[in-house]
Amino acid sequence: MKIKLYFVLSLILLLPAAAWADFEPKAYYTVDGDDFEESETINDAQAPLKVTFKANPSNIDEGTVPSYEWKFVKDGSTDPYITRYEENTEFEFRESGVTAVSLYVSYGDGNDPELISTIRVSISTSLLEMPNAFSPNGDGINDIYKAKDNHKSIVEFKAYIFNRWGQKLYEWSDIDGGWDGTHGGKPVKAGVYFVLVKAKGADGTEYNIKRDVNLLRDYTEGFSGE
């Protein structure tokens, strides 16, 4: 009996102590210059959206070295389309839909990873509209011809302005940029011009917009192109 008891006590002493740590996973991202952080859900975000995921460990036992797994799984699937193995990881979402980003942690070889938490990222479907007119008269109202402010989840964008003879006057690739109604540093005449836009949405939608652009230099309070 004493031999058995001694064996059990010796076995307990030889077993490694259980590893322990606390985690507070969060997602960090920036929209229009404002910084945000979420621990559960990012709702109806626009692509491209760059997100940094941090495990935020604390109270780690001495000698404990956690191993991390960030698994990215789309809604409707059970298998991750990407897995990252660092404490902090950055990912740019460029496709619409919902992705569950789950953090798993394990301690040492042979230990099964433990699910710590899941952060869901929802990326909206795309939307892109171009106005048919603008008034670059320096009044601060509708002075720049650009995509309407309601655009969503556009991951590729290129726009061109032509005159009625087919001469290219301007082009831009920043969806928030636009044309100020000049060419060669000088204002062009009021009249009808032409815009061509080639773009792609996060949902795979291909945009090929072709339309007339009315350049108006007369002041109209509250004017906005449709």
C-alpha atoms as a PDB file:
ATOM      1  CA  MET A   1       0.000   0.000   0.000  1.00  0.00           C
ATOM      2  CA  LYS A   2       2.812   2.398   0.906  1.00  0.00           C
ATOM      3  CA  ILE A   3       4.579   1.558  -2.373  1.00  0.00           C
ATOM      4  CA  LYS A   4       1.465   2.389  -4.409  1.00  0.00           C
ATOM      5  CA  LEU A   5       0.934   5.658  -2.527  1.00  0.00           C
ATOM      6  CA  TYR A   6       4.578   6.638  -3.027  1.00  0.00           C
ATOM      7  CA  PHE A   7       4.269   5.897  -6.766  1.00  0.00           C
ATOM      8  CA  VAL A   8       1.149   8.067  -7.124  1.00  0.00           C
ATOM      9  CA  LEU A   9       2.718  10.961  -5.190  1.00  0.00           C
ATOM     10  CA  SER A  10       5.889  10.716  -7.282  1.00  0.00           C
ATOM     11  CA  LEU A  11       3.859  10.739 -10.506  1.00  0.00           C
ATOM     12  CA  ILE A  12       1.949  13.859  -9.409  1.00  0.00           C
ATOM     13  CA  LEU A  13       5.210  15.651  -8.577  1.00  0.00           C
ATOM     14  CA  LEU A  14       6.633  14.768 -11.987  1.00  0.00           C
ATOM     15  CA  LEU A  15       3.615  16.096 -13.904  1.00  0.00           C
ATOM     16  CA  PRO A  16       4.065  19.610 -15.287  1.00  0.00           C
ATOM     17  CA  ALA A  17       1.972  22.353 -13.732  1.00  0.00           C
ATOM     18  CA  ALA A  18      -1.007  23.480 -15.802  1.00  0.00           C
ATOM     19  CA  ALA A  19      -0.178  26.495 -17.941  1.00  0.00           C
ATOM     20  CA  TRP A  20      -2.353  29.532 -17.584  1.00  0.00           C
ATOM     21  CA  ALA A  21      -2.888  32.954 -19.141  1.00  0.00           C
ATOM     22  CA  ASP A  22      -5.662  35.446 -19.735  1.00  0.00           C
ATOM     23  CA  PHE A  23      -6.552  36.775 -23.182  1.00  0.00           C
ATOM     24  CA  GLU A  24      -8.692  39.650 -24.437  1.00  0.00           C
ATOM     25  CA  PRO A  25      -8.700  39.376 -28.254  1.00  0.00           C
ATOM     26  CA  LYS A  26      -9.675  42.540 -30.122  1.00  0.00           C
ATOM     27  CA  ALA A  27      -9.864  43.824 -33.675  1.00  0.00           C
ATOM     28  CA  TYR A  28      -8.407  47.260 -34.444  1.00  0.00           C
ATOM     29  CA  TYR A  29      -9.194  49.244 -37.608  1.00  0.00           C
ATOM     30  CA  THR A  30      -9.475  52.771 -39.002  1.00  0.00           C
ATOM     31  CA  VAL A  31     -12.356  54.350 -40.945  1.00  0.00           C
ATOM     32  CA  ASP A  32     -12.123  57.892 -42.330  1.00  0.00           C
ATOM     33  CA  GLY A  33      -9.264  58.685 -39.958  1.00  0.00           C
ATOM     34  CA  ASP A  34     -11.086  57.461 -36.843  1.00  0.00           C
ATOM     35  CA  ASP A  35      -9.719  54.484 -34.899  1.00  0.00           C
ATOM     36  CA  PHE A  36     -12.010  51.714 -33.668  1.00  0.00           C
ATOM     37  CA  GLU A  37     -11.698  48.488 -31.701  1.00  0.00           C
ATOM     38  CA  GLU A  38     -14.129  45.590 -31.404  1.00  0.00           C
ATOM     39  CA  SER A  39     -14.163  42.366 -29.426  1.00  0.00           C
ATOM     40  CA  GLU A  40     -17.248  40.750 -30.979  1.00  0.00           C
ATOM     41  CA  THR A  41     -18.492  42.124 -34.323  1.00  0.00           C
ATOM     42  CA  ILE A  42     -17.542  44.595 -37.044  1.00  0.00           C
ATOM     43  CA  ASN A  43     -20.847  45.312 -38.790  1.00  0.00           C
ATOM     44  CA  ASP A  44     -21.486  46.408 -42.399  1.00  0.00           C
ATOM     45  CA  ALA A  45     -17.919  47.559 -43.030  1.00  0.00           C
ATOM     46  CA  GLN A  46     -16.645  48.639 -46.431  1.00  0.00           C
ATOM     47  CA  ALA A  47     -13.875  46.937 -48.350  1.00  0.00           C
ATOM     48  CA  PRO A  48     -10.992  47.251 -48.530  1.00  0.00           C
ATOM     49  CA  LEU A  49     -10.805  47.112 -44.732  1.00  0.00           C
ATOM     50  CA  LYS A  50      -7.463  46.514 -43.018  1.00  0.00           C
ATOM     51  CA  VAL A  51      -7.855  44.978 -39.551  1.00  0.00           C
ATOM     52  CA  THR A  52      -5.225  44.145 -36.926  1.00  0.00           C
ATOM     53  CA  PHE A  53      -6.168  41.300 -34.592  1.00  0.00           C
ATOM     54  CA  LYS A  54      -4.410  41.179 -31.221  1.00  0.00           C
ATOM     55  CA  ALA A  55      -4.575  38.397 -28.627  1.00  0.00           C
ATOM     56  CA  ASN A  56      -3.747  40.790 -25.740  1.00  0.00           C
ATOM     57  CA  PRO A  57      -2.376  38.157 -23.305  1.00  0.00           C
ATOM     58  CA  SER A  58      -1.939  38.884 -19.594  1.00  0.00           C
ATOM     59  CA  ASN A  59      -1.189  37.035 -16.342  1.00  0.00           C
ATOM     60  CA  ILE A  60       0.947  34.486 -18.182  1.00  0.00           C
ATOM     61  CA  ASP A  61       2.452  31.840 -15.897  1.00  0.00           C
ATOM     62  CA  GLU A  62       6.223  31.906 -15.651  1.00  0.00           C
ATOM     63  CA  GLY A  63       7.770  29.679 -18.273  1.00  0.00           C
ATOM     64  CA  THR A  64       4.554  29.481 -20.281  1.00  0.00           C
ATOM     65  CA  VAL A  65       4.807  30.187 -24.011  1.00  0.00           C
ATOM     66  CA  PRO A  66       1.380  30.234 -25.694  1.00  0.00           C
ATOM     67  CA  SER A  67       0.989  29.146 -29.304  1.00  0.00           C
ATOM     68  CA  TYR A  68      -1.557  31.069 -31.355  1.00  0.00           C
ATOM     69  CA  GLU A  69      -3.860  30.173 -34.236  1.00  0.00           C
ATOM     70  CA  TRP A  70      -6.099  32.764 -35.918  1.00  0.00           C
ATOM     71  CA  LYS A  71      -8.580  30.949 -38.164  1.00  0.00           C
ATOM     72  CA  PHE A  72     -10.564  32.856 -40.808  1.00  0.00           C
ATOM     73  CA  VAL A  73     -13.780  31.044 -41.779  1.00  0.00           C
ATOM     74  CA  LYS A  74     -16.432  32.367 -44.151  1.00  0.00           C
ATOM     75  CA  ASP A  75     -20.100  31.956 -43.323  1.00  0.00           C
ATOM     76  CA  GLY A  76     -21.399  28.706 -44.763  1.00  0.00           C
ATOM     77  CA  SER A  77     -18.018  26.983 -44.481  1.00  0.00           C
ATOM     78  CA  THR A  78     -16.375  24.944 -41.743  1.00  0.00           C
ATOM     79  CA  ASP A  79     -12.799  25.110 -43.002  1.00  0.00           C
ATOM     80  CA  PRO A  80     -10.623  28.220 -42.633  1.00  0.00           C
ATOM     81  CA  TYR A  81      -9.505  29.863 -45.863  1.00  0.00           C
ATOM     82  CA  ILE A  82      -6.487  31.232 -44.038  1.00  0.00           C
ATOM     83  CA  THR A  83      -4.741  30.484 -40.717  1.00  0.00           C
ATOM     84  CA  ARG A  84      -2.187  32.713 -39.029  1.00  0.00           C
ATOM     85  CA  TYR A  85       0.202  31.649 -36.236  1.00  0.00           C
ATOM     86  CA  GLU A  86       1.307  34.872 -34.572  1.00  0.00           C
ATOM     87  CA  GLU A  87       0.136  36.680 -31.454  1.00  0.00           C
ATOM     88  CA  ASN A  88      -0.942  39.681 -33.529  1.00  0.00           C
ATOM     89  CA  THR A  89      -1.926  39.478 -37.183  1.00  0.00           C
ATOM     90  CA  GLU A  90      -3.103  41.919 -39.844  1.00  0.00           C
ATOM     91  CA  PHE A  91      -5.495  41.131 -42.680  1.00  0.00           C
ATOM     92  CA  GLU A  92      -7.139  43.220 -45.409  1.00  0.00           C
ATOM     93  CA  PHE A  93     -10.725  42.207 -46.205  1.00  0.00           C
ATOM     94  CA  ARG A  94     -11.477  42.699 -49.904  1.00  0.00           C
ATOM     95  CA  GLU A  95     -14.521  40.445 -50.360  1.00  0.00           C
ATOM     96  CA  SER A  96     -18.082  41.030 -49.201  1.00  0.00           C
ATOM     97  CA  GLY A  97     -19.745  38.648 -46.771  1.00  0.00           C
ATOM     98  CA  VAL A  98     -19.170  37.560 -43.177  1.00  0.00           C
ATOM     99  CA  THR A  99     -15.938  36.055 -41.858  1.00  0.00           C
ATOM    100  CA  ALA A 100     -15.578  34.515 -38.401  1.00  0.00           C
ATOM    101  CA  VAL A 101     -12.065  35.139 -37.062  1.00  0.00           C
ATOM    102  CA  SER A 102     -11.386  32.768 -34.182  1.00  0.00           C
ATOM    103  CA  LEU A 103      -8.405  32.722 -31.850  1.00  0.00           C
ATOM    104  CA  TYR A 104      -7.171  29.358 -30.559  1.00  0.00           C
ATOM    105  CA  VAL A 105      -4.384  29.038 -27.986  1.00  0.00           C
ATOM    106  CA  SER A 106      -2.355  26.019 -26.899  1.00  0.00           C
ATOM    107  CA  TYR A 107       0.532  25.511 -24.450  1.00  0.00           C
ATOM    108  CA  GLY A 108       3.347  23.216 -25.493  1.00  0.00           C
ATOM    109  CA  ASP A 109       3.371  20.102 -27.657  1.00  0.00           C
ATOM    110  CA  GLY A 110       0.522  17.653 -27.415  1.00  0.00           C
ATOM    111  CA  ASN A 111      -2.011  20.118 -26.032  1.00  0.00           C
ATOM    112  CA  ASP A 112      -5.172  20.687 -28.029  1.00  0.00           C
ATOM    113  CA  PRO A 113      -5.765  24.330 -28.991  1.00  0.00           C
ATOM    114  CA  GLU A 114      -8.421  26.039 -26.892  1.00  0.00           C
ATOM    115  CA  LEU A 115     -10.956  28.377 -28.504  1.00  0.00           C
ATOM    116  CA  ILE A 116     -10.600  31.752 -26.804  1.00  0.00           C
ATOM    117  CA  SER A 117     -13.085  33.897 -28.756  1.00  0.00           C
ATOM    118  CA  THR A 118     -14.506  34.700 -32.190  1.00  0.00           C
ATOM    119  CA  ILE A 119     -14.757  38.115 -33.838  1.00  0.00           C
ATOM    120  CA  ARG A 120     -17.140  38.384 -36.798  1.00  0.00           C
ATOM    121  CA  VAL A 121     -16.341  40.773 -39.648  1.00  0.00           C
ATOM    122  CA  SER A 122     -19.175  41.726 -42.009  1.00  0.00           C
ATOM    123  CA  ILE A 123     -18.233  43.409 -45.305  1.00  0.00           C
ATOM    124  CA  SER A 124     -21.047  45.103 -47.241  1.00  0.00           C
ATOM    125  CA  THR A 125     -21.976  44.522 -50.869  1.00  0.00           C
ATOM    126  CA  SER A 126     -20.733  47.149 -53.307  1.00  0.00           C
ATOM    127  CA  LEU A 127     -22.371  50.318 -54.586  1.00  0.00           C
ATOM    128  CA  LEU A 128     -21.015  52.900 -57.022  1.00  0.00           C
ATOM    129  CA  GLU A 129     -22.800  55.831 -58.646  1.00  0.00           C
ATOM    130  CA  MET A 130     -21.451  58.787 -60.629  1.00  0.00           C
ATOM    131  CA  PRO A 131     -23.248  62.171 -60.865  1.00  0.00           C
ATOM    132  CA  ASN A 132     -24.205  63.732 -64.203  1.00  0.00           C
ATOM    133  CA  ALA A 133     -23.105  67.280 -63.370  1.00  0.00           C
ATOM    134  CA  PHE A 134     -20.955  69.506 -61.179  1.00  0.00           C
ATOM    135  CA  SER A 135     -20.259  73.225 -60.763  1.00  0.00           C
ATOM    136  CA  PRO A 136     -16.558  74.090 -60.316  1.00  0.00           C
ATOM    137  CA  ASN A 137     -17.101  77.779 -59.565  1.00  0.00           C
ATOM    138  CA  GLY A 138     -15.153  78.013 -56.314  1.00  0.00           C
ATOM    139  CA  ASP A 139     -18.166  78.321 -54.019  1.00  0.00           C
ATOM    140  CA  GLY A 140     -17.221  75.183 -52.101  1.00  0.00           C
ATOM    141  CA  ILE A 141     -20.366  73.353 -53.237  1.00  0.00           C
ATOM    142  CA  ASN A 142     -19.987  70.501 -55.710  1.00  0.00           C
ATOM    143  CA  ASP A 143     -16.721  71.931 -57.066  1.00  0.00           C
ATOM    144  CA  ILE A 144     -15.191  68.481 -57.728  1.00  0.00           C
ATOM    145  CA  TYR A 145     -16.590  65.828 -60.025  1.00  0.00           C
ATOM    146  CA  LYS A 146     -16.271  62.520 -58.174  1.00  0.00           C
ATOM    147  CA  ALA A 147     -18.113  59.349 -57.190  1.00  0.00           C
ATOM    148  CA  LYS A 148     -21.175  59.902 -55.040  1.00  0.00           C
ATOM    149  CA  ASP A 149     -20.474  59.719 -51.311  1.00  0.00           C
ATOM    150  CA  ASN A 150     -22.717  56.648 -50.913  1.00  0.00           C
ATOM    151  CA  HIS A 151     -20.151  54.367 -52.570  1.00  0.00           C
ATOM    152  CA  LYS A 152     -19.471  51.103 -50.726  1.00  0.00           C
ATOM    153  CA  SER A 153     -16.882  48.307 -50.891  1.00  0.00           C
ATOM    154  CA  ILE A 154     -15.127  49.312 -54.117  1.00  0.00           C
ATOM    155  CA  VAL A 155     -11.763  47.549 -54.227  1.00  0.00           C
ATOM    156  CA  GLU A 156     -10.643  48.673 -57.697  1.00  0.00           C
ATOM    157  CA  PHE A 157     -11.374  52.043 -59.296  1.00  0.00           C
ATOM    158  CA  LYS A 158     -10.274  54.005 -62.351  1.00  0.00           C
ATOM    159  CA  ALA A 159     -12.021  57.014 -63.891  1.00  0.00           C
ATOM    160  CA  TYR A 160     -11.353  59.037 -67.065  1.00  0.00           C
ATOM    161  CA  ILE A 161     -12.723  62.368 -68.308  1.00  0.00           C
ATOM    162  CA  PHE A 162     -12.946  63.074 -72.069  1.00  0.00           C
ATOM    163  CA  ASN A 163     -14.078  66.079 -74.063  1.00  0.00           C
ATOM    164  CA  ARG A 164     -16.530  65.796 -76.972  1.00  0.00           C
ATOM    165  CA  TRP A 165     -13.677  65.108 -79.397  1.00  0.00           C
ATOM    166  CA  GLY A 166     -12.515  62.111 -77.402  1.00  0.00           C
ATOM    167  CA  GLN A 167      -9.448  63.787 -75.897  1.00  0.00           C
ATOM    168  CA  LYS A 168      -8.611  62.549 -72.413  1.00  0.00           C
ATOM    169  CA  LEU A 169      -8.470  65.480 -70.021  1.00  0.00           C
ATOM    170  CA  TYR A 170      -8.022  63.783 -66.670  1.00  0.00           C
ATOM    171  CA  GLU A 171      -7.890  60.437 -64.882  1.00  0.00           C
ATOM    172  CA  TRP A 172      -7.799  59.284 -61.257  1.00  0.00           C
ATOM    173  CA  SER A 173      -7.687  56.034 -59.294  1.00  0.00           C
ATOM    174  CA  ASP A 174      -8.570  57.175 -55.765  1.00  0.00           C
ATOM    175  CA  ILE A 175     -12.322  56.707 -55.388  1.00  0.00           C
ATOM    176  CA  ASP A 176     -12.445  59.740 -53.096  1.00  0.00           C
ATOM    177  CA  GLY A 177     -10.558  61.865 -55.608  1.00  0.00           C
ATOM    178  CA  GLY A 178     -11.997  63.620 -58.651  1.00  0.00           C
ATOM    179  CA  TRP A 179     -11.773  66.241 -61.413  1.00  0.00           C
ATOM    180  CA  ASP A 180     -11.727  69.970 -60.649  1.00  0.00           C
ATOM    181  CA  GLY A 181     -12.776  71.055 -64.142  1.00  0.00           C
ATOM    182  CA  THR A 182      -9.318  72.040 -65.372  1.00  0.00           C
ATOM    183  CA  HIS A 183      -6.933  70.817 -68.055  1.00  0.00           C
ATOM    184  CA  GLY A 184      -3.306  71.797 -68.239  1.00  0.00           C
ATOM    185  CA  GLY A 185      -3.797  73.988 -65.200  1.00  0.00           C
ATOM    186  CA  LYS A 186      -6.556  76.077 -66.803  1.00  0.00           C
ATOM    187  CA  PRO A 187     -10.351  75.906 -66.340  1.00  0.00           C
ATOM    188  CA  VAL A 188     -12.163  74.254 -69.244  1.00  0.00           C
ATOM    189  CA  LYS A 189     -15.295  75.774 -70.742  1.00  0.00           C
ATOM    190  CA  ALA A 190     -18.748  75.010 -69.412  1.00  0.00           C
ATOM    191  CA  GLY A 191     -20.432  72.279 -71.421  1.00  0.00           C
ATOM    192  CA  VAL A 192     -20.889  68.551 -71.736  1.00  0.00           C
ATOM    193  CA  TYR A 193     -18.014  66.135 -71.101  1.00  0.00           C
ATOM    194  CA  PHE A 194     -17.846  62.372 -70.806  1.00  0.00           C
ATOM    195  CA  VAL A 195     -16.807  60.082 -67.935  1.00  0.00           C
ATOM    196  CA  LEU A 196     -15.717  56.461 -68.178  1.00  0.00           C
ATOM    197  CA  VAL A 197     -15.390  54.476 -64.953  1.00  0.00           C
ATOM    198  CA  LYS A 198     -14.052  50.951 -64.618  1.00  0.00           C
ATOM    199  CA  ALA A 199     -14.316  49.532 -61.109  1.00  0.00           C
ATOM    200  CA  LYS A 200     -14.790  46.326 -59.146  1.00  0.00           C
ATOM    201  CA  GLY A 201     -16.750  45.711 -55.974  1.00  0.00           C
ATOM    202  CA  ALA A 202     -15.899  43.436 -53.067  1.00  0.00           C
ATOM    203  CA  ASP A 203     -18.847  41.257 -54.099  1.00  0.00           C
ATOM    204  CA  GLY A 204     -17.332  40.702 -57.547  1.00  0.00           C
ATOM    205  CA  THR A 205     -19.530  43.247 -59.341  1.00  0.00           C
ATOM    206  CA  GLU A 206     -17.809  44.766 -62.374  1.00  0.00           C
ATOM    207  CA  TYR A 207     -18.663  48.428 -63.010  1.00  0.00           C
ATOM    208  CA  ASN A 208     -18.338  49.918 -66.491  1.00  0.00           C
ATOM    209  CA  ILE A 209     -20.001  53.329 -66.191  1.00  0.00           C
ATOM    210  CA  LYS A 210     -20.247  55.623 -69.216  1.00  0.00           C
ATOM    211  CA  ARG A 211     -22.182  58.870 -69.018  1.00  0.00           C
ATOM    212  CA  ASP A 212     -22.289  62.547 -69.908  1.00  0.00           C
ATOM    213  CA  VAL A 213     -21.026  65.095 -67.389  1.00  0.00           C
ATOM    214  CA  ASN A 214     -22.473  68.588 -67.441  1.00  0.00           C
ATOM    215  CA  LEU A 215     -19.915  71.159 -66.294  1.00  0.00           C
ATOM    216  CA  LEU A 216     -21.780  74.223 -64.983  1.00  0.00           C
ATOM    217  CA  ARG A 217     -19.999  77.351 -63.854  1.00  0.00           C
ATOM    218  CA  ASP A 218     -23.052  79.401 -62.856  1.00  0.00           C
ATOM    219  CA  TYR A 219     -23.693  79.506 -59.117  1.00  0.00           C
ATOM    220  CA  THR A 220     -26.623  77.451 -57.894  1.00  0.00           C
ATOM    221  CA  GLU A 221     -27.059  77.214 -54.137  1.00  0.00           C
ATOM    222  CA  GLY A 222     -27.440  73.657 -52.916  1.00  0.00           C
ATOM    223  CA  PHE A 223     -26.846  72.237 -56.406  1.00  0.00           C
ATOM    224  CA  SER A 224     -25.835  68.581 -56.655  1.00  0.00           C
ATOM    225  CA  GLY A 225     -25.498  66.321 -59.657  1.00  0.00           C
ATOM    226  CA  GLU A 226     -27.907  63.410 -59.959  1.00  0.00           C
END
